């Protein structure tokens, strides 16, 4: 960390190479504010599903803890990854909170009481705070952490960028341009420049959450649920706010699936095989 601070001073606050999370502005600001101290442990929690056997119904889910203090070439190695919980299948779990809660409750306790560590090399005992910096999952998986709508919702951005989506069928799509010959009540938003997309807004999230939990009937709830993109208070709100990055900043976009899906869409578009609806046509 000291080396990074020296480089920032030499380069007038600029980072030459982003090769580790600790060079990001969120981490550096947390250090500057004293939320992350030299002896603290920085964590990332990840949730994902897997199919154990190729030709057998064997879906399951697992979440893990990654200790980000390790070097980038080590922290993702199997021997350094800490299993959080295994969620059996093959059916989709109905209450993921019941599996996430024990681990997050344990984290909350350690955040409140600190983790006592004995350094045998120096025969010193010290206190370490646990700081949650990242929550990773794909789009459908993040809803279990943030209590928001799915990726096909009207206000479905997990980073809470404010981009409202256009409705088609049973889904809302985050198109920046208003489709031609499109007329859908409550969804006719004008063209949106990518340069106008907002940064993650924690204040807007909590403002809308307060409105949602204050609703008095189902009709009000459904209306605000669609407008705000929030379904319930996030389970992460039980953590110490001074020992986590906060919502929605800690939520990470799913770049892997984005890259894979976009490449497939571009190929089908260039080869005129992409699905389209009238008045569009492949020719």
C-alpha atoms as a PDB file:
ATOM      1  CA  UNK A   1       0.000   0.000   0.000  1.00  0.00           C
ATOM      2  CA  UNK A   2       2.854   2.373   0.796  1.00  0.00           C
ATOM      3  CA  UNK A   3       4.334   1.712  -2.650  1.00  0.00           C
ATOM      4  CA  UNK A   4       0.998   2.597  -4.307  1.00  0.00           C
ATOM      5  CA  UNK A   5       0.793   5.860  -2.355  1.00  0.00           C
ATOM      6  CA  UNK A   6       4.313   6.746  -3.452  1.00  0.00           C
ATOM      7  CA  UNK A   7       3.425   6.060  -7.095  1.00  0.00           C
ATOM      8  CA  UNK A   8       0.289   8.204  -6.808  1.00  0.00           C
ATOM      9  CA  UNK A   9       2.381  11.053  -5.422  1.00  0.00           C
ATOM     10  CA  UNK A  10       4.982  10.739  -8.188  1.00  0.00           C
ATOM     11  CA  UNK A  11       2.375  10.468 -10.995  1.00  0.00           C
ATOM     12  CA  UNK A  12       0.122  13.281  -9.734  1.00  0.00           C
ATOM     13  CA  UNK A  13      -2.587  10.898  -8.565  1.00  0.00           C
ATOM     14  CA  UNK A  14      -2.562   8.654 -11.661  1.00  0.00           C
ATOM     15  CA  UNK A  15      -2.216   4.849 -11.733  1.00  0.00           C
ATOM     16  CA  UNK A  16       0.062   3.539 -14.490  1.00  0.00           C
ATOM     17  CA  UNK A  17      -1.168  -0.057 -14.463  1.00  0.00           C
ATOM     18  CA  UNK A  18      -4.339  -1.514 -12.934  1.00  0.00           C
ATOM     19  CA  UNK A  19      -3.228  -5.059 -12.137  1.00  0.00           C
ATOM     20  CA  UNK A  20      -4.813  -5.526  -8.701  1.00  0.00           C
ATOM     21  CA  UNK A  21      -7.992  -4.461  -6.916  1.00  0.00           C
ATOM     22  CA  UNK A  22      -6.043  -2.398  -4.369  1.00  0.00           C
ATOM     23  CA  UNK A  23      -5.255   0.167  -7.078  1.00  0.00           C
ATOM     24  CA  UNK A  24      -8.935   0.989  -7.533  1.00  0.00           C
ATOM     25  CA  UNK A  25     -10.373   4.258  -6.254  1.00  0.00           C
ATOM     26  CA  UNK A  26     -12.921   2.573  -3.946  1.00  0.00           C
ATOM     27  CA  UNK A  27     -10.197   0.691  -2.092  1.00  0.00           C
ATOM     28  CA  UNK A  28      -7.867   3.686  -1.917  1.00  0.00           C
ATOM     29  CA  UNK A  29     -10.652   5.913  -0.573  1.00  0.00           C
ATOM     30  CA  UNK A  30     -11.515   3.316   2.092  1.00  0.00           C
ATOM     31  CA  UNK A  31      -7.855   3.271   3.164  1.00  0.00           C
ATOM     32  CA  UNK A  32      -7.689   7.066   3.214  1.00  0.00           C
ATOM     33  CA  UNK A  33     -10.835   7.231   5.369  1.00  0.00           C
ATOM     34  CA  UNK A  34      -9.428   4.665   7.797  1.00  0.00           C
ATOM     35  CA  UNK A  35     -12.044   1.997   7.037  1.00  0.00           C
ATOM     36  CA  UNK A  36      -9.286  -0.369   5.867  1.00  0.00           C
ATOM     37  CA  UNK A  37      -6.189  -0.522   8.070  1.00  0.00           C
ATOM     38  CA  UNK A  38      -2.851  -2.318   7.474  1.00  0.00           C
ATOM     39  CA  UNK A  39      -3.795  -5.397   9.549  1.00  0.00           C
ATOM     40  CA  UNK A  40      -7.337  -5.752   8.171  1.00  0.00           C
ATOM     41  CA  UNK A  41      -8.546  -8.642   6.009  1.00  0.00           C
ATOM     42  CA  UNK A  42     -10.309  -7.717   2.758  1.00  0.00           C
ATOM     43  CA  UNK A  43     -12.886 -10.228   1.502  1.00  0.00           C
ATOM     44  CA  UNK A  44     -14.873 -11.007  -1.620  1.00  0.00           C
ATOM     45  CA  UNK A  45     -17.947 -13.260  -1.549  1.00  0.00           C
ATOM     46  CA  UNK A  46     -19.007 -15.133  -4.696  1.00  0.00           C
ATOM     47  CA  UNK A  47     -22.127 -17.168  -5.512  1.00  0.00           C
ATOM     48  CA  UNK A  48     -22.659 -19.354  -8.562  1.00  0.00           C
ATOM     49  CA  UNK A  49     -24.405 -22.470  -9.753  1.00  0.00           C
ATOM     50  CA  UNK A  50     -22.867 -25.558 -11.306  1.00  0.00           C
ATOM     51  CA  UNK A  51     -23.897 -28.791 -12.996  1.00  0.00           C
ATOM     52  CA  UNK A  52     -21.886 -31.631 -11.497  1.00  0.00           C
ATOM     53  CA  UNK A  53     -22.515 -34.168 -14.277  1.00  0.00           C
ATOM     54  CA  UNK A  54     -22.819 -33.383 -17.984  1.00  0.00           C
ATOM     55  CA  UNK A  55     -25.609 -35.853 -18.788  1.00  0.00           C
ATOM     56  CA  UNK A  56     -27.364 -35.943 -15.430  1.00  0.00           C
ATOM     57  CA  UNK A  57     -29.688 -33.566 -13.601  1.00  0.00           C
ATOM     58  CA  UNK A  58     -27.211 -32.437 -10.973  1.00  0.00           C
ATOM     59  CA  UNK A  59     -27.520 -28.677 -10.480  1.00  0.00           C
ATOM     60  CA  UNK A  60     -26.168 -27.232  -7.244  1.00  0.00           C
ATOM     61  CA  UNK A  61     -25.010 -23.891  -5.881  1.00  0.00           C
ATOM     62  CA  UNK A  62     -22.012 -22.834  -3.843  1.00  0.00           C
ATOM     63  CA  UNK A  63     -20.710 -19.610  -2.373  1.00  0.00           C
ATOM     64  CA  UNK A  64     -17.109 -18.929  -1.408  1.00  0.00           C
ATOM     65  CA  UNK A  65     -14.957 -16.339   0.348  1.00  0.00           C
ATOM     66  CA  UNK A  66     -11.826 -15.010  -1.347  1.00  0.00           C
ATOM     67  CA  UNK A  67      -9.141 -13.335   0.779  1.00  0.00           C
ATOM     68  CA  UNK A  68      -8.032 -10.420  -1.372  1.00  0.00           C
ATOM     69  CA  UNK A  69      -4.923  -9.724   0.741  1.00  0.00           C
ATOM     70  CA  UNK A  70      -3.133 -12.489  -1.152  1.00  0.00           C
ATOM     71  CA  UNK A  71      -1.334 -11.639  -4.380  1.00  0.00           C
ATOM     72  CA  UNK A  72      -3.428 -11.855  -7.597  1.00  0.00           C
ATOM     73  CA  UNK A  73      -1.605 -15.027  -8.646  1.00  0.00           C
ATOM     74  CA  UNK A  74      -2.496 -16.726  -5.345  1.00  0.00           C
ATOM     75  CA  UNK A  75      -5.842 -15.485  -4.009  1.00  0.00           C
ATOM     76  CA  UNK A  76      -7.870 -17.512  -6.535  1.00  0.00           C
ATOM     77  CA  UNK A  77      -5.933 -20.740  -5.975  1.00  0.00           C
ATOM     78  CA  UNK A  78      -7.952 -23.568  -4.441  1.00  0.00           C
ATOM     79  CA  UNK A  79      -5.838 -23.719  -1.286  1.00  0.00           C
ATOM     80  CA  UNK A  80      -6.598 -20.056  -0.493  1.00  0.00           C
ATOM     81  CA  UNK A  81     -10.333 -20.040  -1.303  1.00  0.00           C
ATOM     82  CA  UNK A  82     -12.647 -20.526   1.692  1.00  0.00           C
ATOM     83  CA  UNK A  83     -15.915 -22.447   1.048  1.00  0.00           C
ATOM     84  CA  UNK A  84     -18.949 -20.669   2.485  1.00  0.00           C
ATOM     85  CA  UNK A  85     -21.812 -23.063   1.876  1.00  0.00           C
ATOM     86  CA  UNK A  86     -23.008 -25.746  -0.505  1.00  0.00           C
ATOM     87  CA  UNK A  87     -26.638 -25.554  -1.662  1.00  0.00           C
ATOM     88  CA  UNK A  88     -27.881 -28.913  -2.968  1.00  0.00           C
ATOM     89  CA  UNK A  89     -30.143 -29.282  -6.004  1.00  0.00           C
ATOM     90  CA  UNK A  90     -31.296 -30.280  -8.457  1.00  0.00           C
ATOM     91  CA  UNK A  91     -34.209 -27.876  -7.973  1.00  0.00           C
ATOM     92  CA  UNK A  92     -33.616 -24.147  -7.650  1.00  0.00           C
ATOM     93  CA  UNK A  93     -33.364 -23.167  -3.955  1.00  0.00           C
ATOM     94  CA  UNK A  94     -36.485 -21.411  -2.662  1.00  0.00           C
ATOM     95  CA  UNK A  95     -34.799 -19.516   0.172  1.00  0.00           C
ATOM     96  CA  UNK A  96     -31.169 -18.695  -0.594  1.00  0.00           C
ATOM     97  CA  UNK A  97     -31.089 -16.308   2.387  1.00  0.00           C
ATOM     98  CA  UNK A  98     -31.185 -19.303   4.722  1.00  0.00           C
ATOM     99  CA  UNK A  99     -27.869 -20.489   3.248  1.00  0.00           C
ATOM    100  CA  UNK A 100     -26.230 -17.054   3.053  1.00  0.00           C
ATOM    101  CA  UNK A 101     -27.305 -15.918   6.519  1.00  0.00           C
ATOM    102  CA  UNK A 102     -25.028 -18.130   8.692  1.00  0.00           C
ATOM    103  CA  UNK A 103     -21.874 -16.966   6.908  1.00  0.00           C
ATOM    104  CA  UNK A 104     -22.900 -13.311   6.806  1.00  0.00           C
ATOM    105  CA  UNK A 105     -23.977 -13.467  10.467  1.00  0.00           C
ATOM    106  CA  UNK A 106     -20.549 -14.832  11.370  1.00  0.00           C
ATOM    107  CA  UNK A 107     -18.928 -12.028   9.352  1.00  0.00           C
ATOM    108  CA  UNK A 108     -21.061  -9.431  11.167  1.00  0.00           C
ATOM    109  CA  UNK A 109     -19.974 -10.808  14.544  1.00  0.00           C
ATOM    110  CA  UNK A 110     -16.303 -10.612  13.580  1.00  0.00           C
ATOM    111  CA  UNK A 111     -16.807  -7.077  12.271  1.00  0.00           C
ATOM    112  CA  UNK A 112     -18.296  -6.045  15.615  1.00  0.00           C
ATOM    113  CA  UNK A 113     -15.760  -7.841  17.821  1.00  0.00           C
ATOM    114  CA  UNK A 114     -12.686  -7.939  15.519  1.00  0.00           C
ATOM    115  CA  UNK A 115     -10.698 -11.056  14.699  1.00  0.00           C
ATOM    116  CA  UNK A 116      -7.924 -11.858  17.182  1.00  0.00           C
ATOM    117  CA  UNK A 117      -4.825 -13.125  15.349  1.00  0.00           C
ATOM    118  CA  UNK A 118      -1.617 -14.500  16.799  1.00  0.00           C
ATOM    119  CA  UNK A 119       1.429 -13.871  14.606  1.00  0.00           C
ATOM    120  CA  UNK A 120       3.737 -16.718  15.610  1.00  0.00           C
ATOM    121  CA  UNK A 121       6.693 -15.329  13.644  1.00  0.00           C
ATOM    122  CA  UNK A 122       6.788 -12.264  15.904  1.00  0.00           C
ATOM    123  CA  UNK A 123       4.886 -13.695  18.882  1.00  0.00           C
ATOM    124  CA  UNK A 124       2.417 -10.823  18.653  1.00  0.00           C
ATOM    125  CA  UNK A 125      -1.376 -10.822  18.999  1.00  0.00           C
ATOM    126  CA  UNK A 126      -3.288  -8.159  17.074  1.00  0.00           C
ATOM    127  CA  UNK A 127      -6.859  -7.286  16.081  1.00  0.00           C
ATOM    128  CA  UNK A 128      -8.009  -7.404  12.472  1.00  0.00           C
ATOM    129  CA  UNK A 129     -11.241  -6.019  11.018  1.00  0.00           C
ATOM    130  CA  UNK A 130     -12.910  -7.882   8.147  1.00  0.00           C
ATOM    131  CA  UNK A 131     -13.824  -5.637   5.215  1.00  0.00           C
ATOM    132  CA  UNK A 132     -16.193  -6.865   2.477  1.00  0.00           C
ATOM    133  CA  UNK A 133     -15.211  -5.127  -0.745  1.00  0.00           C
ATOM    134  CA  UNK A 134     -16.868  -7.162  -3.518  1.00  0.00           C
ATOM    135  CA  UNK A 135     -19.974  -9.280  -4.025  1.00  0.00           C
ATOM    136  CA  UNK A 136     -19.769 -11.303  -7.229  1.00  0.00           C
ATOM    137  CA  UNK A 137     -22.356 -13.377  -9.063  1.00  0.00           C
ATOM    138  CA  UNK A 138     -24.049 -13.399 -12.442  1.00  0.00           C
ATOM    139  CA  UNK A 139     -27.085 -11.189 -13.039  1.00  0.00           C
ATOM    140  CA  UNK A 140     -29.691 -13.624 -11.661  1.00  0.00           C
ATOM    141  CA  UNK A 141     -27.443 -14.490  -8.707  1.00  0.00           C
ATOM    142  CA  UNK A 142     -26.888 -10.925  -7.508  1.00  0.00           C
ATOM    143  CA  UNK A 143     -30.576 -10.532  -6.604  1.00  0.00           C
ATOM    144  CA  UNK A 144     -30.000 -12.853  -3.631  1.00  0.00           C
ATOM    145  CA  UNK A 145     -27.520 -10.347  -2.218  1.00  0.00           C
ATOM    146  CA  UNK A 146     -29.061  -6.991  -3.143  1.00  0.00           C
ATOM    147  CA  UNK A 147     -32.814  -7.597  -2.947  1.00  0.00           C
ATOM    148  CA  UNK A 148     -33.356  -5.996  -6.363  1.00  0.00           C
ATOM    149  CA  UNK A 149     -35.310  -7.176  -9.384  1.00  0.00           C
ATOM    150  CA  UNK A 150     -33.740  -9.492 -11.920  1.00  0.00           C
ATOM    151  CA  UNK A 151     -31.724  -8.455 -14.943  1.00  0.00           C
ATOM    152  CA  UNK A 152     -34.889  -8.241 -17.068  1.00  0.00           C
ATOM    153  CA  UNK A 153     -36.647  -5.733 -14.789  1.00  0.00           C
ATOM    154  CA  UNK A 154     -37.790  -2.195 -15.611  1.00  0.00           C
ATOM    155  CA  UNK A 155     -35.034  -0.679 -13.457  1.00  0.00           C
ATOM    156  CA  UNK A 156     -32.771  -3.702 -13.507  1.00  0.00           C
ATOM    157  CA  UNK A 157     -29.231  -2.324 -13.311  1.00  0.00           C
ATOM    158  CA  UNK A 158     -27.488  -3.790 -10.249  1.00  0.00           C
ATOM    159  CA  UNK A 159     -25.169  -0.782 -10.155  1.00  0.00           C
ATOM    160  CA  UNK A 160     -28.221   1.484  -9.933  1.00  0.00           C
ATOM    161  CA  UNK A 161     -27.113   3.633 -12.857  1.00  0.00           C
ATOM    162  CA  UNK A 162     -30.636   4.949 -13.461  1.00  0.00           C
ATOM    163  CA  UNK A 163     -31.026   3.578 -17.002  1.00  0.00           C
ATOM    164  CA  UNK A 164     -34.685   2.581 -17.433  1.00  0.00           C
ATOM    165  CA  UNK A 165     -35.451  -0.180 -19.898  1.00  0.00           C
ATOM    166  CA  UNK A 166     -37.780  -0.713 -22.835  1.00  0.00           C
ATOM    167  CA  UNK A 167     -40.494  -3.321 -22.500  1.00  0.00           C
ATOM    168  CA  UNK A 168     -40.970  -6.168 -24.958  1.00  0.00           C
ATOM    169  CA  UNK A 169     -42.880  -9.348 -24.197  1.00  0.00           C
ATOM    170  CA  UNK A 170     -42.189 -10.416 -20.625  1.00  0.00           C
ATOM    171  CA  UNK A 171     -38.858  -8.609 -20.345  1.00  0.00           C
ATOM    172  CA  UNK A 172     -37.364  -5.143 -20.161  1.00  0.00           C
ATOM    173  CA  UNK A 173     -34.260  -4.580 -22.275  1.00  0.00           C
ATOM    174  CA  UNK A 174     -31.534  -1.958 -21.568  1.00  0.00           C
ATOM    175  CA  UNK A 175     -31.481  -0.454 -25.053  1.00  0.00           C
ATOM    176  CA  UNK A 176     -29.854   2.969 -25.301  1.00  0.00           C
ATOM    177  CA  UNK A 177     -31.800   3.913 -28.439  1.00  0.00           C
ATOM    178  CA  UNK A 178     -35.583   4.051 -28.687  1.00  0.00           C
ATOM    179  CA  UNK A 179     -36.588   1.301 -31.166  1.00  0.00           C
ATOM    180  CA  UNK A 180     -38.210   2.345 -34.441  1.00  0.00           C
ATOM    181  CA  UNK A 181     -42.022   2.211 -34.555  1.00  0.00           C
ATOM    182  CA  UNK A 182     -42.051   1.511 -30.826  1.00  0.00           C
ATOM    183  CA  UNK A 183     -44.986   2.632 -28.707  1.00  0.00           C
ATOM    184  CA  UNK A 184     -45.290   1.061 -25.268  1.00  0.00           C
ATOM    185  CA  UNK A 185     -46.987   3.042 -22.511  1.00  0.00           C
ATOM    186  CA  UNK A 186     -44.637   3.765 -19.618  1.00  0.00           C
ATOM    187  CA  UNK A 187     -41.616   2.640 -21.616  1.00  0.00           C
ATOM    188  CA  UNK A 188     -41.165   5.207 -24.415  1.00  0.00           C
ATOM    189  CA  UNK A 189     -37.892   6.618 -23.154  1.00  0.00           C
ATOM    190  CA  UNK A 190     -35.843   8.784 -25.544  1.00  0.00           C
ATOM    191  CA  UNK A 191     -32.375   7.884 -26.810  1.00  0.00           C
ATOM    192  CA  UNK A 192     -29.792   7.691 -24.042  1.00  0.00           C
ATOM    193  CA  UNK A 193     -26.104   8.448 -24.515  1.00  0.00           C
ATOM    194  CA  UNK A 194     -23.691   5.999 -22.847  1.00  0.00           C
ATOM    195  CA  UNK A 195     -21.737   9.045 -21.665  1.00  0.00           C
ATOM    196  CA  UNK A 196     -24.737  10.112 -19.571  1.00  0.00           C
ATOM    197  CA  UNK A 197     -24.985   6.872 -17.592  1.00  0.00           C
ATOM    198  CA  UNK A 198     -24.568   7.622 -13.902  1.00  0.00           C
ATOM    199  CA  UNK A 199     -22.050   6.180 -11.491  1.00  0.00           C
ATOM    200  CA  UNK A 200     -23.403   3.765  -8.830  1.00  0.00           C
ATOM    201  CA  UNK A 201     -25.688   5.801  -6.562  1.00  0.00           C
ATOM    202  CA  UNK A 202     -25.830   4.649  -2.946  1.00  0.00           C
ATOM    203  CA  UNK A 203     -27.880   7.660  -1.847  1.00  0.00           C
ATOM    204  CA  UNK A 204     -30.518   7.046  -4.531  1.00  0.00           C
ATOM    205  CA  UNK A 205     -30.705   3.371  -3.592  1.00  0.00           C
ATOM    206  CA  UNK A 206     -31.376   4.106   0.088  1.00  0.00           C
ATOM    207  CA  UNK A 207     -33.821   6.884  -0.786  1.00  0.00           C
ATOM    208  CA  UNK A 208     -35.862   4.465  -2.901  1.00  0.00           C
ATOM    209  CA  UNK A 209     -35.545   1.672  -0.328  1.00  0.00           C
ATOM    210  CA  UNK A 210     -37.055   3.937   2.342  1.00  0.00           C
ATOM    211  CA  UNK A 211     -39.962   4.702   0.015  1.00  0.00           C
ATOM    212  CA  UNK A 212     -40.520   1.001  -0.660  1.00  0.00           C
ATOM    213  CA  UNK A 213     -40.554  -0.147   2.975  1.00  0.00           C
ATOM    214  CA  UNK A 214     -42.926   2.707   3.853  1.00  0.00           C
ATOM    215  CA  UNK A 215     -45.648   1.542   1.439  1.00  0.00           C
ATOM    216  CA  UNK A 216     -49.000   0.859   3.079  1.00  0.00           C
ATOM    217  CA  UNK A 217     -50.624  -1.542   0.630  1.00  0.00           C
ATOM    218  CA  UNK A 218     -49.895  -3.987  -2.173  1.00  0.00           C
ATOM    219  CA  UNK A 219     -50.785  -1.517  -4.931  1.00  0.00           C
ATOM    220  CA  UNK A 220     -48.232   1.029  -3.706  1.00  0.00           C
ATOM    221  CA  UNK A 221     -45.631  -1.699  -3.276  1.00  0.00           C
ATOM    222  CA  UNK A 222     -46.044  -3.041  -6.822  1.00  0.00           C
ATOM    223  CA  UNK A 223     -45.794   0.465  -8.275  1.00  0.00           C
ATOM    224  CA  UNK A 224     -42.617   1.355  -6.359  1.00  0.00           C
ATOM    225  CA  UNK A 225     -41.216  -2.130  -6.909  1.00  0.00           C
ATOM    226  CA  UNK A 226     -41.317  -1.557 -10.671  1.00  0.00           C
ATOM    227  CA  UNK A 227     -40.115   2.059 -10.524  1.00  0.00           C
ATOM    228  CA  UNK A 228     -37.252   1.551  -8.068  1.00  0.00           C
ATOM    229  CA  UNK A 229     -36.125  -1.944  -9.066  1.00  0.00           C
ATOM    230  CA  UNK A 230     -36.050  -2.983  -5.389  1.00  0.00           C
ATOM    231  CA  UNK A 231     -38.037  -5.900  -3.965  1.00  0.00           C
ATOM    232  CA  UNK A 232     -36.853  -5.932  -0.343  1.00  0.00           C
ATOM    233  CA  UNK A 233     -34.026  -4.749   1.958  1.00  0.00           C
ATOM    234  CA  UNK A 234     -30.783  -6.477   1.001  1.00  0.00           C
ATOM    235  CA  UNK A 235     -29.364  -9.130   3.314  1.00  0.00           C
ATOM    236  CA  UNK A 236     -26.058  -7.231   3.089  1.00  0.00           C
ATOM    237  CA  UNK A 237     -27.578  -4.364   5.075  1.00  0.00           C
ATOM    238  CA  UNK A 238     -26.979  -6.421   8.216  1.00  0.00           C
ATOM    239  CA  UNK A 239     -23.228  -5.843   7.886  1.00  0.00           C
ATOM    240  CA  UNK A 240     -21.295  -3.002   9.515  1.00  0.00           C
ATOM    241  CA  UNK A 241     -21.410  -0.107   7.036  1.00  0.00           C
ATOM    242  CA  UNK A 242     -17.877   0.972   7.977  1.00  0.00           C
ATOM    243  CA  UNK A 243     -16.534  -2.495   7.107  1.00  0.00           C
ATOM    244  CA  UNK A 244     -17.976  -2.908   3.616  1.00  0.00           C
ATOM    245  CA  UNK A 245     -17.950  -0.995   0.358  1.00  0.00           C
ATOM    246  CA  UNK A 246     -21.699  -0.442   0.459  1.00  0.00           C
ATOM    247  CA  UNK A 247     -24.621  -0.975  -1.898  1.00  0.00           C
ATOM    248  CA  UNK A 248     -24.556  -0.746  -4.891  1.00  0.00           C
ATOM    249  CA  UNK A 249     -20.795  -0.067  -5.116  1.00  0.00           C
ATOM    250  CA  UNK A 250     -19.848  -3.534  -3.858  1.00  0.00           C
ATOM    251  CA  UNK A 251     -21.948  -5.255  -6.536  1.00  0.00           C
ATOM    252  CA  UNK A 252     -19.906  -6.265  -9.558  1.00  0.00           C
ATOM    253  CA  UNK A 253     -21.197  -6.441 -13.145  1.00  0.00           C
ATOM    254  CA  UNK A 254     -20.968  -9.776 -14.918  1.00  0.00           C
ATOM    255  CA  UNK A 255     -18.378  -9.067 -17.613  1.00  0.00           C
ATOM    256  CA  UNK A 256     -17.772 -12.722 -18.542  1.00  0.00           C
ATOM    257  CA  UNK A 257     -21.333 -13.435 -19.691  1.00  0.00           C
ATOM    258  CA  UNK A 258     -21.569  -9.995 -21.307  1.00  0.00           C
ATOM    259  CA  UNK A 259     -18.540 -10.672 -23.506  1.00  0.00           C
ATOM    260  CA  UNK A 260     -19.724 -14.163 -24.440  1.00  0.00           C
ATOM    261  CA  UNK A 261     -23.292 -13.129 -25.261  1.00  0.00           C
ATOM    262  CA  UNK A 262     -22.351  -9.988 -27.182  1.00  0.00           C
ATOM    263  CA  UNK A 263     -19.951 -11.892 -29.413  1.00  0.00           C
ATOM    264  CA  UNK A 264     -22.714 -14.382 -30.253  1.00  0.00           C
ATOM    265  CA  UNK A 265     -25.182 -11.574 -31.007  1.00  0.00           C
ATOM    266  CA  UNK A 266     -22.709  -9.700 -33.203  1.00  0.00           C
ATOM    267  CA  UNK A 267     -21.908 -12.821 -35.224  1.00  0.00           C
ATOM    268  CA  UNK A 268     -25.588 -13.555 -35.847  1.00  0.00           C
ATOM    269  CA  UNK A 269     -26.168  -9.884 -36.733  1.00  0.00           C
ATOM    270  CA  UNK A 270     -23.303  -9.808 -39.240  1.00  0.00           C
ATOM    271  CA  UNK A 271     -24.458 -13.082 -40.813  1.00  0.00           C
ATOM    272  CA  UNK A 272     -28.110 -11.933 -40.989  1.00  0.00           C
ATOM    273  CA  UNK A 273     -29.293 -14.819 -38.844  1.00  0.00           C
ATOM    274  CA  UNK A 274     -30.342 -12.836 -35.777  1.00  0.00           C
ATOM    275  CA  UNK A 275     -33.965 -13.097 -34.657  1.00  0.00           C
ATOM    276  CA  UNK A 276     -36.003  -9.987 -35.399  1.00  0.00           C
ATOM    277  CA  UNK A 277     -39.602  -8.828 -35.358  1.00  0.00           C
ATOM    278  CA  UNK A 278     -41.552  -6.722 -37.894  1.00  0.00           C
ATOM    279  CA  UNK A 279     -41.044  -4.180 -39.318  1.00  0.00           C
ATOM    280  CA  UNK A 280     -37.400  -5.282 -39.108  1.00  0.00           C
ATOM    281  CA  UNK A 281     -36.261  -7.953 -41.550  1.00  0.00           C
ATOM    282  CA  UNK A 282     -33.043  -9.844 -42.198  1.00  0.00           C
ATOM    283  CA  UNK A 283     -32.462  -8.259 -45.597  1.00  0.00           C
END
